[in-house]
C-alpha atoms as a PDB file:
ATOM      1  CA  UNK A   1     -94.365   1.203 112.961  1.00  0.00           C
ATOM      2  CA  UNK A   2     -94.077  -2.558 113.189  1.00  0.00           C
ATOM      3  CA  UNK A   3     -92.272  -4.365 110.399  1.00  0.00           C
ATOM      4  CA  UNK A   4     -94.832  -7.121 110.820  1.00  0.00           C
ATOM      5  CA  UNK A   5     -97.330  -4.927 109.003  1.00  0.00           C
ATOM      6  CA  UNK A   6     -97.876  -4.837 105.298  1.00  0.00           C
ATOM      7  CA  UNK A   7     -95.192  -7.052 103.780  1.00  0.00           C
ATOM      8  CA  UNK A   8     -93.036 -10.093 104.250  1.00  0.00           C
ATOM      9  CA  UNK A   9     -89.405 -10.034 103.137  1.00  0.00           C
ATOM     10  CA  UNK A  10     -89.100 -11.554  99.628  1.00  0.00           C
ATOM     11  CA  UNK A  11     -86.246 -13.824  98.640  1.00  0.00           C
ATOM     12  CA  UNK A  12     -85.895 -12.716  95.009  1.00  0.00           C
ATOM     13  CA  UNK A  13     -84.125  -9.548  93.866  1.00  0.00           C
ATOM     14  CA  UNK A  14     -86.516  -8.694  91.039  1.00  0.00           C
ATOM     15  CA  UNK A  15     -90.161  -7.936  91.712  1.00  0.00           C
ATOM     16  CA  UNK A  16     -91.196  -7.352  88.088  1.00  0.00           C
ATOM     17  CA  UNK A  17     -89.578  -8.619  84.908  1.00  0.00           C
ATOM     18  CA  UNK A  18     -90.725  -8.173  81.305  1.00  0.00           C
ATOM     19  CA  UNK A  19     -88.608  -9.740  78.580  1.00  0.00           C
ATOM     20  CA  UNK A  20     -89.440  -8.783  74.971  1.00  0.00           C
ATOM     21  CA  UNK A  21     -93.163  -8.606  75.726  1.00  0.00           C
ATOM     22  CA  UNK A  22     -95.546  -7.764  72.892  1.00  0.00           C
ATOM     23  CA  UNK A  23     -99.317  -7.414  73.013  1.00  0.00           C
ATOM     24  CA  UNK A  24    -101.474  -7.265  69.907  1.00  0.00           C
ATOM     25  CA  UNK A  25    -105.213  -6.524  69.814  1.00  0.00           C
ATOM     26  CA  UNK A  26    -107.594  -7.090  66.925  1.00  0.00           C
ATOM     27  CA  UNK A  27    -110.479  -4.699  66.304  1.00  0.00           C
ATOM     28  CA  UNK A  28    -113.327  -5.801  64.053  1.00  0.00           C
ATOM     29  CA  UNK A  29    -114.228  -3.074  61.572  1.00  0.00           C
ATOM     30  CA  UNK A  30    -117.928  -2.359  61.039  1.00  0.00           C
ATOM     31  CA  UNK A  31    -119.433  -0.481  58.097  1.00  0.00           C
ATOM     32  CA  UNK A  32    -122.936   0.895  57.574  1.00  0.00           C
ATOM     33  CA  UNK A  33    -125.281   0.337  54.645  1.00  0.00           C
ATOM     34  CA  UNK A  34    -127.075  -2.824  53.490  1.00  0.00           C
ATOM     35  CA  UNK A  35    -124.344  -4.070  51.142  1.00  0.00           C
ATOM     36  CA  UNK A  36    -121.627  -3.393  53.657  1.00  0.00           C
ATOM     37  CA  UNK A  37    -123.581  -5.125  56.428  1.00  0.00           C
ATOM     38  CA  UNK A  38    -123.719  -8.270  54.295  1.00  0.00           C
ATOM     39  CA  UNK A  39    -119.996  -7.945  53.632  1.00  0.00           C
ATOM     40  CA  UNK A  40    -119.390  -7.698  57.387  1.00  0.00           C
ATOM     41  CA  UNK A  41    -121.222 -10.997  57.890  1.00  0.00           C
ATOM     42  CA  UNK A  42    -119.279 -13.021  55.316  1.00  0.00           C
ATOM     43  CA  UNK A  43    -115.868 -11.333  55.114  1.00  0.00           C
ATOM     44  CA  UNK A  44    -115.408  -9.114  58.146  1.00  0.00           C
ATOM     45  CA  UNK A  45    -112.303  -6.991  58.341  1.00  0.00           C
ATOM     46  CA  UNK A  46    -110.184  -6.531  61.405  1.00  0.00           C
ATOM     47  CA  UNK A  47    -107.485  -4.053  62.280  1.00  0.00           C
ATOM     48  CA  UNK A  48    -104.343  -5.089  64.130  1.00  0.00           C
ATOM     49  CA  UNK A  49    -103.268  -2.807  66.983  1.00  0.00           C
ATOM     50  CA  UNK A  50     -99.843  -3.296  68.512  1.00  0.00           C
ATOM     51  CA  UNK A  51    -100.165  -2.045  72.108  1.00  0.00           C
ATOM     52  CA  UNK A  52     -96.702  -3.236  73.214  1.00  0.00           C
ATOM     53  CA  UNK A  53     -93.747  -4.034  70.983  1.00  0.00           C
ATOM     54  CA  UNK A  54     -90.992  -6.153  72.576  1.00  0.00           C
ATOM     55  CA  UNK A  55     -90.978  -4.257  75.875  1.00  0.00           C
ATOM     56  CA  UNK A  56     -88.284  -5.234  78.378  1.00  0.00           C
ATOM     57  CA  UNK A  57     -87.635  -3.829  81.850  1.00  0.00           C
ATOM     58  CA  UNK A  58     -87.180  -4.899  85.471  1.00  0.00           C
ATOM     59  CA  UNK A  59     -88.250  -3.431  88.796  1.00  0.00           C
ATOM     60  CA  UNK A  60     -86.328  -4.422  91.901  1.00  0.00           C
ATOM     61  CA  UNK A  61     -87.839  -4.990  95.315  1.00  0.00           C
ATOM     62  CA  UNK A  62     -88.126  -1.812  97.349  1.00  0.00           C
ATOM     63  CA  UNK A  63     -88.235   0.543  94.349  1.00  0.00           C
ATOM     64  CA  UNK A  64     -90.851   3.137  93.487  1.00  0.00           C
ATOM     65  CA  UNK A  65     -90.832   3.297  89.696  1.00  0.00           C
ATOM     66  CA  UNK A  66     -92.897   5.740  87.652  1.00  0.00           C
ATOM     67  CA  UNK A  67     -94.373   4.538  84.364  1.00  0.00           C
ATOM     68  CA  UNK A  68     -95.422   7.263  81.967  1.00  0.00           C
ATOM     69  CA  UNK A  69     -96.278   7.977  78.375  1.00  0.00           C
ATOM     70  CA  UNK A  70     -98.885   9.655  76.161  1.00  0.00           C
ATOM     71  CA  UNK A  71    -102.414   8.324  75.793  1.00  0.00           C
ATOM     72  CA  UNK A  72    -102.441   4.999  73.967  1.00  0.00           C
ATOM     73  CA  UNK A  73     -98.742   4.347  74.604  1.00  0.00           C
ATOM     74  CA  UNK A  74     -99.381   1.034  76.397  1.00  0.00           C
ATOM     75  CA  UNK A  75     -99.311   1.936  80.120  1.00  0.00           C
ATOM     76  CA  UNK A  76    -102.637   0.396  81.130  1.00  0.00           C
ATOM     77  CA  UNK A  77    -102.001  -2.631  78.916  1.00  0.00           C
ATOM     78  CA  UNK A  78     -98.745  -3.233  80.795  1.00  0.00           C
ATOM     79  CA  UNK A  79    -100.496  -2.982  84.155  1.00  0.00           C
ATOM     80  CA  UNK A  80    -103.174  -5.458  83.076  1.00  0.00           C
ATOM     81  CA  UNK A  81    -100.537  -7.900  81.817  1.00  0.00           C
ATOM     82  CA  UNK A  82     -98.711  -7.697  85.157  1.00  0.00           C
ATOM     83  CA  UNK A  83    -101.964  -8.319  87.019  1.00  0.00           C
ATOM     84  CA  UNK A  84    -102.775 -11.347  84.879  1.00  0.00           C
ATOM     85  CA  UNK A  85    -105.850  -9.663  83.377  1.00  0.00           C
ATOM     86  CA  UNK A  86    -104.403 -10.009  79.857  1.00  0.00           C
ATOM     87  CA  UNK A  87    -102.155 -12.567  78.176  1.00  0.00           C
ATOM     88  CA  UNK A  88     -99.070 -11.424  76.272  1.00  0.00           C
ATOM     89  CA  UNK A  89     -98.931 -12.153  72.559  1.00  0.00           C
ATOM     90  CA  UNK A  90     -95.196 -12.737  72.883  1.00  0.00           C
ATOM     91  CA  UNK A  91     -92.500 -12.627  75.549  1.00  0.00           C
ATOM     92  CA  UNK A  92     -92.087 -13.575  79.196  1.00  0.00           C
ATOM     93  CA  UNK A  93     -93.489 -11.856  82.294  1.00  0.00           C
ATOM     94  CA  UNK A  94     -92.555 -12.584  85.906  1.00  0.00           C
ATOM     95  CA  UNK A  95     -94.236 -10.923  88.877  1.00  0.00           C
ATOM     96  CA  UNK A  96     -92.784 -11.751  92.289  1.00  0.00           C
ATOM     97  CA  UNK A  97     -90.972 -14.642  90.631  1.00  0.00           C
ATOM     98  CA  UNK A  98     -94.175 -16.117  89.197  1.00  0.00           C
ATOM     99  CA  UNK A  99     -96.204 -16.039  86.003  1.00  0.00           C
ATOM    100  CA  UNK A 100     -99.164 -13.665  86.516  1.00  0.00           C
ATOM    101  CA  UNK A 101    -101.388 -15.642  84.128  1.00  0.00           C
ATOM    102  CA  UNK A 102    -100.261 -19.202  84.944  1.00  0.00           C
ATOM    103  CA  UNK A 103    -100.080 -18.676  88.713  1.00  0.00           C
ATOM    104  CA  UNK A 104    -102.606 -15.881  89.068  1.00  0.00           C
ATOM    105  CA  UNK A 105    -104.016 -16.868  92.458  1.00  0.00           C
ATOM    106  CA  UNK A 106    -100.570 -17.104  94.046  1.00  0.00           C
ATOM    107  CA  UNK A 107     -99.531 -13.797  92.460  1.00  0.00           C
ATOM    108  CA  UNK A 108    -102.671 -11.997  93.634  1.00  0.00           C
ATOM    109  CA  UNK A 109    -102.050 -13.168  97.188  1.00  0.00           C
ATOM    110  CA  UNK A 110     -98.955 -10.938  97.196  1.00  0.00           C
ATOM    111  CA  UNK A 111    -100.018  -8.271  94.689  1.00  0.00           C
ATOM    112  CA  UNK A 112    -102.164  -5.159  95.073  1.00  0.00           C
ATOM    113  CA  UNK A 113    -103.755  -3.379  92.098  1.00  0.00           C
ATOM    114  CA  UNK A 114    -105.521  -0.015  92.043  1.00  0.00           C
ATOM    115  CA  UNK A 115    -107.012   1.667  88.981  1.00  0.00           C
ATOM    116  CA  UNK A 116    -107.902   5.294  89.688  1.00  0.00           C
ATOM    117  CA  UNK A 117    -111.160   5.203  87.718  1.00  0.00           C
ATOM    118  CA  UNK A 118    -112.516   2.012  89.333  1.00  0.00           C
ATOM    119  CA  UNK A 119    -113.491   0.867  92.779  1.00  0.00           C
ATOM    120  CA  UNK A 120    -113.815  -2.489  94.553  1.00  0.00           C
ATOM    121  CA  UNK A 121    -115.948  -1.023  97.316  1.00  0.00           C
ATOM    122  CA  UNK A 122    -119.548  -2.188  97.555  1.00  0.00           C
ATOM    123  CA  UNK A 123    -121.459   0.890  96.442  1.00  0.00           C
ATOM    124  CA  UNK A 124    -124.539   0.486  98.675  1.00  0.00           C
ATOM    125  CA  UNK A 125    -122.763  -0.793 101.780  1.00  0.00           C
ATOM    126  CA  UNK A 126    -120.559   0.717 104.472  1.00  0.00           C
ATOM    127  CA  UNK A 127    -116.826   0.717 103.749  1.00  0.00           C
ATOM    128  CA  UNK A 128    -116.168  -1.655 106.648  1.00  0.00           C
ATOM    129  CA  UNK A 129    -118.414  -4.285 105.043  1.00  0.00           C
ATOM    130  CA  UNK A 130    -116.283  -4.271 101.878  1.00  0.00           C
ATOM    131  CA  UNK A 131    -113.209  -4.712 104.058  1.00  0.00           C
ATOM    132  CA  UNK A 132    -114.826  -7.629 105.916  1.00  0.00           C
ATOM    133  CA  UNK A 133    -115.807  -9.219 102.609  1.00  0.00           C
ATOM    134  CA  UNK A 134    -112.181  -9.146 101.504  1.00  0.00           C
ATOM    135  CA  UNK A 135    -111.031 -10.605 104.822  1.00  0.00           C
ATOM    136  CA  UNK A 136    -113.348 -13.593 104.405  1.00  0.00           C
ATOM    137  CA  UNK A 137    -112.938 -14.221 100.655  1.00  0.00           C
ATOM    138  CA  UNK A 138    -109.166 -13.765 100.696  1.00  0.00           C
ATOM    139  CA  UNK A 139    -108.864 -15.783 103.910  1.00  0.00           C
ATOM    140  CA  UNK A 140    -106.729 -13.102 105.550  1.00  0.00           C
ATOM    141  CA  UNK A 141    -105.623 -14.230 109.024  1.00  0.00           C
ATOM    142  CA  UNK A 142    -107.466 -12.248 111.680  1.00  0.00           C
ATOM    143  CA  UNK A 143    -104.267 -10.954 113.301  1.00  0.00           C
ATOM    144  CA  UNK A 144    -102.950  -9.733 109.934  1.00  0.00           C
ATOM    145  CA  UNK A 145    -106.285  -8.140 109.067  1.00  0.00           C
ATOM    146  CA  UNK A 146    -106.640  -6.290 112.371  1.00  0.00           C
ATOM    147  CA  UNK A 147    -103.032  -5.073 112.265  1.00  0.00           C
ATOM    148  CA  UNK A 148    -103.308  -3.812 108.694  1.00  0.00           C
ATOM    149  CA  UNK A 149    -106.724  -2.280 109.295  1.00  0.00           C
ATOM    150  CA  UNK A 150    -105.361  -0.295 112.223  1.00  0.00           C
ATOM    151  CA  UNK A 151    -102.355   0.738 110.144  1.00  0.00           C
ATOM    152  CA  UNK A 152    -104.289   2.023 107.115  1.00  0.00           C
ATOM    153  CA  UNK A 153    -106.887   3.727 109.322  1.00  0.00           C
ATOM    154  CA  UNK A 154    -104.089   5.625 111.059  1.00  0.00           C
ATOM    155  CA  UNK A 155    -102.019   6.540 108.004  1.00  0.00           C
ATOM    156  CA  UNK A 156    -104.881   7.227 105.593  1.00  0.00           C
ATOM    157  CA  UNK A 157    -107.187   8.754 108.212  1.00  0.00           C
ATOM    158  CA  UNK A 158    -110.188   6.650 107.215  1.00  0.00           C
ATOM    159  CA  UNK A 159    -111.289   5.472 110.665  1.00  0.00           C
ATOM    160  CA  UNK A 160    -114.241   7.848 110.556  1.00  0.00           C
ATOM    161  CA  UNK A 161    -115.274   6.558 107.127  1.00  0.00           C
ATOM    162  CA  UNK A 162    -115.684   2.870 107.954  1.00  0.00           C
ATOM    163  CA  UNK A 163    -119.411   3.246 108.652  1.00  0.00           C
ATOM    164  CA  UNK A 164    -120.063   5.423 105.577  1.00  0.00           C
ATOM    165  CA  UNK A 165    -121.657   4.001 102.436  1.00  0.00           C
ATOM    166  CA  UNK A 166    -119.227   3.974  99.502  1.00  0.00           C
ATOM    167  CA  UNK A 167    -121.649   5.980  97.359  1.00  0.00           C
ATOM    168  CA  UNK A 168    -121.525   8.814  99.913  1.00  0.00           C
ATOM    169  CA  UNK A 169    -117.735   9.209  99.845  1.00  0.00           C
ATOM    170  CA  UNK A 170    -115.995  12.052  98.054  1.00  0.00           C
ATOM    171  CA  UNK A 171    -113.531  11.068  95.354  1.00  0.00           C
ATOM    172  CA  UNK A 172    -110.563  11.620  97.665  1.00  0.00           C
ATOM    173  CA  UNK A 173    -112.189   9.578 100.438  1.00  0.00           C
ATOM    174  CA  UNK A 174    -113.031   6.762  98.030  1.00  0.00           C
ATOM    175  CA  UNK A 175    -109.483   6.653  96.699  1.00  0.00           C
ATOM    176  CA  UNK A 176    -108.105   6.401 100.237  1.00  0.00           C
ATOM    177  CA  UNK A 177    -110.611   3.668 101.089  1.00  0.00           C
ATOM    178  CA  UNK A 178    -109.752   1.744  97.908  1.00  0.00           C
ATOM    179  CA  UNK A 179    -106.047   2.027  98.678  1.00  0.00           C
ATOM    180  CA  UNK A 180    -106.654   0.815 102.221  1.00  0.00           C
ATOM    181  CA  UNK A 181    -108.677  -2.154 100.981  1.00  0.00           C
ATOM    182  CA  UNK A 182    -105.926  -3.050  98.519  1.00  0.00           C
ATOM    183  CA  UNK A 183    -103.387  -3.233 101.358  1.00  0.00           C
ATOM    184  CA  UNK A 184    -105.359  -5.395 103.787  1.00  0.00           C
ATOM    185  CA  UNK A 185    -103.709  -8.652 102.627  1.00  0.00           C
ATOM    186  CA  UNK A 186    -100.105  -7.335 102.974  1.00  0.00           C
ATOM    187  CA  UNK A 187     -99.039  -7.119  99.307  1.00  0.00           C
ATOM    188  CA  UNK A 188     -95.321  -7.081  98.527  1.00  0.00           C
ATOM    189  CA  UNK A 189     -95.922  -5.225  95.247  1.00  0.00           C
ATOM    190  CA  UNK A 190     -98.596  -2.715  94.283  1.00  0.00           C
ATOM    191  CA  UNK A 191     -99.539  -1.540  90.795  1.00  0.00           C
ATOM    192  CA  UNK A 192    -101.162   1.892  90.661  1.00  0.00           C
ATOM    193  CA  UNK A 193    -102.783   3.245  87.502  1.00  0.00           C
ATOM    194  CA  UNK A 194    -103.671   6.956  87.926  1.00  0.00           C
ATOM    195  CA  UNK A 195    -103.992   6.802  91.739  1.00  0.00           C
ATOM    196  CA  UNK A 196    -104.314  10.608  92.056  1.00  0.00           C
ATOM    197  CA  UNK A 197    -106.832  10.994  89.212  1.00  0.00           C
ATOM    198  CA  UNK A 198    -109.254  13.810  90.014  1.00  0.00           C
ATOM    199  CA  UNK A 199    -107.941  14.417  93.529  1.00  0.00           C
ATOM    200  CA  UNK A 200    -107.537  17.915  94.942  1.00  0.00           C
ATOM    201  CA  UNK A 201    -104.167  19.196  96.168  1.00  0.00           C
ATOM    202  CA  UNK A 202    -104.674  18.115  99.780  1.00  0.00           C
ATOM    203  CA  UNK A 203    -105.833  14.612  98.835  1.00  0.00           C
ATOM    204  CA  UNK A 204    -102.894  14.226  96.433  1.00  0.00           C
ATOM    205  CA  UNK A 205    -100.359  15.201  99.081  1.00  0.00           C
ATOM    206  CA  UNK A 206    -101.910  12.740 101.511  1.00  0.00           C
ATOM    207  CA  UNK A 207    -101.890   9.913  98.950  1.00  0.00           C
ATOM    208  CA  UNK A 208     -98.276  10.539  97.889  1.00  0.00           C
ATOM    209  CA  UNK A 209     -97.024  10.831 101.470  1.00  0.00           C
ATOM    210  CA  UNK A 210     -98.673   7.519 102.343  1.00  0.00           C
ATOM    211  CA  UNK A 211     -97.192   5.690  99.351  1.00  0.00           C
ATOM    212  CA  UNK A 212     -93.704   6.974 100.099  1.00  0.00           C
ATOM    213  CA  UNK A 213     -94.079   5.960 103.726  1.00  0.00           C
ATOM    214  CA  UNK A 214     -95.147   2.366 103.096  1.00  0.00           C
ATOM    215  CA  UNK A 215     -92.318   2.059 100.581  1.00  0.00           C
ATOM    216  CA  UNK A 216     -89.725   3.337 103.038  1.00  0.00           C
ATOM    217  CA  UNK A 217     -90.977   1.756 106.245  1.00  0.00           C
ATOM    218  CA  UNK A 218     -92.625  -1.432 104.978  1.00  0.00           C
ATOM    219  CA  UNK A 219     -90.535  -2.127 101.862  1.00  0.00           C
ATOM    220  CA  UNK A 220     -93.554  -2.216  99.540  1.00  0.00           C
ATOM    221  CA  UNK A 221     -92.489  -2.125  95.885  1.00  0.00           C
ATOM    222  CA  UNK A 222     -94.529   0.313  93.794  1.00  0.00           C
ATOM    223  CA  UNK A 223     -95.016   0.667  90.046  1.00  0.00           C
ATOM    224  CA  UNK A 224     -97.154   3.763  89.441  1.00  0.00           C
ATOM    225  CA  UNK A 225     -98.576   5.156  86.225  1.00  0.00           C
ATOM    226  CA  UNK A 226     -99.945   8.681  85.924  1.00  0.00           C
ATOM    227  CA  UNK A 227    -100.319  11.612  83.551  1.00  0.00           C
ATOM    228  CA  UNK A 228     -99.394  13.996  86.382  1.00  0.00           C
ATOM    229  CA  UNK A 229     -95.621  14.255  86.031  1.00  0.00           C
ATOM    230  CA  UNK A 230     -95.195  16.435  89.116  1.00  0.00           C
ATOM    231  CA  UNK A 231     -96.774  13.685  91.215  1.00  0.00           C
ATOM    232  CA  UNK A 232     -94.520  11.052  89.650  1.00  0.00           C
ATOM    233  CA  UNK A 233     -91.382  13.116  90.219  1.00  0.00           C
ATOM    234  CA  UNK A 234     -92.338  13.588  93.861  1.00  0.00           C
ATOM    235  CA  UNK A 235     -92.911   9.866  94.373  1.00  0.00           C
ATOM    236  CA  UNK A 236     -90.249   8.129  92.310  1.00  0.00           C
ATOM    237  CA  UNK A 237     -86.544   8.444  91.587  1.00  0.00           C
ATOM    238  CA  UNK A 238     -86.713   6.277  88.457  1.00  0.00           C
ATOM    239  CA  UNK A 239     -89.056   6.711  85.517  1.00  0.00           C
ATOM    240  CA  UNK A 240     -89.859   4.418  82.603  1.00  0.00           C
ATOM    241  CA  UNK A 241     -91.169   6.267  79.554  1.00  0.00           C
ATOM    242  CA  UNK A 242     -93.142   4.337  76.954  1.00  0.00           C
ATOM    243  CA  UNK A 243     -94.001   5.637  73.501  1.00  0.00           C
ATOM    244  CA  UNK A 244     -95.807   3.822  70.690  1.00  0.00           C
ATOM    245  CA  UNK A 245     -95.546   0.541  72.561  1.00  0.00           C
ATOM    246  CA  UNK A 246     -91.779   0.720  73.196  1.00  0.00           C
ATOM    247  CA  UNK A 247     -89.644   1.803  76.131  1.00  0.00           C
ATOM    248  CA  UNK A 248     -88.216   5.174  75.109  1.00  0.00           C
ATOM    249  CA  UNK A 249     -86.419   6.048  78.353  1.00  0.00           C
ATOM    250  CA  UNK A 250     -85.356   4.358  81.596  1.00  0.00           C
ATOM    251  CA  UNK A 251     -83.582   6.520  84.156  1.00  0.00           C
ATOM    252  CA  UNK A 252     -84.018   9.425  86.558  1.00  0.00           C
ATOM    253  CA  UNK A 253     -85.915  12.669  86.045  1.00  0.00           C
ATOM    254  CA  UNK A 254     -82.792  14.797  85.657  1.00  0.00           C
ATOM    255  CA  UNK A 255     -81.829  12.552  82.758  1.00  0.00           C
ATOM    256  CA  UNK A 256     -85.073  13.538  81.034  1.00  0.00           C
ATOM    257  CA  UNK A 257     -84.130  17.181  81.443  1.00  0.00           C
ATOM    258  CA  UNK A 258     -80.726  16.480  79.930  1.00  0.00           C
ATOM    259  CA  UNK A 259     -82.377  14.993  76.840  1.00  0.00           C
ATOM    260  CA  UNK A 260     -84.255  18.249  76.269  1.00  0.00           C
ATOM    261  CA  UNK A 261     -81.225  20.432  77.044  1.00  0.00           C
ATOM    262  CA  UNK A 262     -81.545  21.024  80.813  1.00  0.00           C
ATOM    263  CA  UNK A 263     -84.011  23.930  80.545  1.00  0.00           C
ATOM    264  CA  UNK A 264     -84.249  26.246  83.546  1.00  0.00           C
ATOM    265  CA  UNK A 265     -86.424  29.238  84.392  1.00  0.00           C
ATOM    266  CA  UNK A 266     -84.983  32.501  85.718  1.00  0.00           C
ATOM    267  CA  UNK A 267     -87.242  35.017  87.431  1.00  0.00           C
ATOM    268  CA  UNK A 268     -85.937  38.549  87.957  1.00  0.00           C
ATOM    269  CA  UNK A 269     -87.675  41.130  90.100  1.00  0.00           C
ATOM    270  CA  UNK A 270     -86.561  44.601  89.024  1.00  0.00           C
ATOM    271  CA  UNK A 271     -86.546  47.697  91.211  1.00  0.00           C
ATOM    272  CA  UNK A 272     -87.666  49.939  88.357  1.00  0.00           C
ATOM    273  CA  UNK A 273     -90.140  47.571  86.761  1.00  0.00           C
ATOM    274  CA  UNK A 274     -88.405  48.131  83.434  1.00  0.00           C
ATOM    275  CA  UNK A 275     -87.579  45.116  81.240  1.00  0.00           C
ATOM    276  CA  UNK A 276     -83.919  44.260  81.927  1.00  0.00           C
ATOM    277  CA  UNK A 277     -81.446  43.842  79.109  1.00  0.00           C
ATOM    278  CA  UNK A 278     -79.830  40.490  79.867  1.00  0.00           C
ATOM    279  CA  UNK A 279     -77.291  39.317  77.290  1.00  0.00           C
ATOM    280  CA  UNK A 280     -78.083  35.913  75.713  1.00  0.00           C
ATOM    281  CA  UNK A 281     -81.573  35.780  77.281  1.00  0.00           C
ATOM    282  CA  UNK A 282     -84.999  36.746  75.931  1.00  0.00           C
ATOM    283  CA  UNK A 283     -87.972  37.581  78.143  1.00  0.00           C
ATOM    284  CA  UNK A 284     -90.650  34.860  78.118  1.00  0.00           C
ATOM    285  CA  UNK A 285     -93.168  36.327  80.569  1.00  0.00           C
ATOM    286  CA  UNK A 286     -93.765  39.685  82.272  1.00  0.00           C
ATOM    287  CA  UNK A 287     -95.943  40.448  85.305  1.00  0.00           C
ATOM    288  CA  UNK A 288     -95.829  43.498  87.636  1.00  0.00           C
ATOM    289  CA  UNK A 289     -92.113  44.136  87.397  1.00  0.00           C
ATOM    290  CA  UNK A 290     -91.257  40.412  87.437  1.00  0.00           C
ATOM    291  CA  UNK A 291     -89.600  39.066  84.305  1.00  0.00           C
ATOM    292  CA  UNK A 292     -89.154  35.392  83.469  1.00  0.00           C
ATOM    293  CA  UNK A 293     -86.511  33.953  81.142  1.00  0.00           C
ATOM    294  CA  UNK A 294     -85.761  30.435  79.950  1.00  0.00           C
ATOM    295  CA  UNK A 295     -82.205  29.193  79.594  1.00  0.00           C
ATOM    296  CA  UNK A 296     -80.487  25.950  78.611  1.00  0.00           C
ATOM    297  CA  UNK A 297     -78.013  25.463  81.457  1.00  0.00           C
ATOM    298  CA  UNK A 298     -76.216  22.738  79.516  1.00  0.00           C
ATOM    299  CA  UNK A 299     -75.112  25.528  77.143  1.00  0.00           C
ATOM    300  CA  UNK A 300     -74.971  28.370  79.659  1.00  0.00           C
ATOM    301  CA  UNK A 301     -73.727  27.008  82.997  1.00  0.00           C
ATOM    302  CA  UNK A 302     -75.061  28.479  86.253  1.00  0.00           C
ATOM    303  CA  UNK A 303     -71.701  30.023  87.154  1.00  0.00           C
ATOM    304  CA  UNK A 304     -71.520  31.889  83.843  1.00  0.00           C
ATOM    305  CA  UNK A 305     -75.196  32.849  84.104  1.00  0.00           C
ATOM    306  CA  UNK A 306     -74.705  34.370  87.565  1.00  0.00           C
ATOM    307  CA  UNK A 307     -71.757  36.332  86.195  1.00  0.00           C
ATOM    308  CA  UNK A 308     -74.004  37.810  83.493  1.00  0.00           C
ATOM    309  CA  UNK A 309     -76.752  38.660  85.986  1.00  0.00           C
ATOM    310  CA  UNK A 310     -74.260  40.372  88.317  1.00  0.00           C
ATOM    311  CA  UNK A 311     -73.667  42.957  85.580  1.00  0.00           C
ATOM    312  CA  UNK A 312     -77.362  43.857  85.260  1.00  0.00           C
ATOM    313  CA  UNK A 313     -78.400  46.984  87.168  1.00  0.00           C
ATOM    314  CA  UNK A 314     -81.514  47.200  89.333  1.00  0.00           C
ATOM    315  CA  UNK A 315     -82.135  43.518  90.158  1.00  0.00           C
ATOM    316  CA  UNK A 316     -83.918  43.204  93.489  1.00  0.00           C
ATOM    317  CA  UNK A 317     -84.421  39.436  93.513  1.00  0.00           C
ATOM    318  CA  UNK A 318     -83.317  36.403  91.465  1.00  0.00           C
ATOM    319  CA  UNK A 319     -84.932  32.959  91.369  1.00  0.00           C
ATOM    320  CA  UNK A 320     -83.488  30.100  89.315  1.00  0.00           C
ATOM    321  CA  UNK A 321     -85.339  26.796  89.121  1.00  0.00           C
ATOM    322  CA  UNK A 322     -85.536  23.745  86.921  1.00  0.00           C
ATOM    323  CA  UNK A 323     -88.165  23.768  84.221  1.00  0.00           C
ATOM    324  CA  UNK A 324     -91.356  21.976  85.354  1.00  0.00           C
ATOM    325  CA  UNK A 325     -91.178  18.307  84.495  1.00  0.00           C
ATOM    326  CA  UNK A 326     -94.538  18.701  82.696  1.00  0.00           C
ATOM    327  CA  UNK A 327     -92.840  21.061  80.228  1.00  0.00           C
ATOM    328  CA  UNK A 328     -89.962  18.645  79.694  1.00  0.00           C
ATOM    329  CA  UNK A 329     -92.306  15.701  79.082  1.00  0.00           C
ATOM    330  CA  UNK A 330     -94.497  17.714  76.703  1.00  0.00           C
ATOM    331  CA  UNK A 331     -91.417  18.525  74.626  1.00  0.00           C
ATOM    332  CA  UNK A 332     -90.457  14.842  74.549  1.00  0.00           C
ATOM    333  CA  UNK A 333     -93.960  13.841  73.474  1.00  0.00           C
ATOM    334  CA  UNK A 334     -93.750  16.280  70.566  1.00  0.00           C
ATOM    335  CA  UNK A 335     -90.403  14.759  69.599  1.00  0.00           C
ATOM    336  CA  UNK A 336     -91.731  11.200  69.755  1.00  0.00           C
ATOM    337  CA  UNK A 337     -95.015  11.816  67.914  1.00  0.00           C
END
């Protein structure tokens, strides 16, 4: 694949920088009843909501960074601040070395943004017409447009969809078409908010494989937010966790497991189908002669665990795997709430 495709080589080291960024919203409170309606007119009340509280982090060029947290933690607010759709209440933001709200046009020329629950495709027009609209409005050079169009059609397999009306696309097809449209102007950085929302397994795998490929081969920097932790772990090596408007964790996924005690699942298949007596372990699940245990391998190392299992009679098969990242995150959410 040609390196002349999606991106140009940036000069700066940091693609995204937030320094002590806070964002406060005000919600007007409304009450019912005649007296209260009059009160609303003359002395309305408003509630202050702190979406972000002095958030600081950086994303370097060429990284895929996951951004996760419970509902209302501030993920979408962060994405909108980075895209210049909102102004920070406090703090400094730099995107591609520029201010996203003071230099929004210049930033958008090098930035791609995709929200999983929205589309930029013209609903009652063929997909290709939306692409052509972007080419004209964004003044994308014809050579760049044709090269990128060929690239996304090949990698996202949307060539057969160009003549289809957007309203006739399945969710997976629309997401691929939206992603393709976002990449037509060769962004250096893309912000993805729930890009796999509602997609089936096949569509998810296709989306994730494409994102990893453009990151590796084209150097596109990616900041991706999702509630699907398995998808994030497959895409990214680094994860930022936000809770109650503050960064609660910045590191790799194994580090998250260490916080919760490095849980692991052990599955034993027994010849007799009888529940095995394994010292230090309690059965969590049972199904047709298969017994599942959970163990904290920070307290019971694998070597010691295997020694214990070697003393158990009648084991036909052993499977040891890390606890699903969804389980780890759920435990963290309970801790943070």
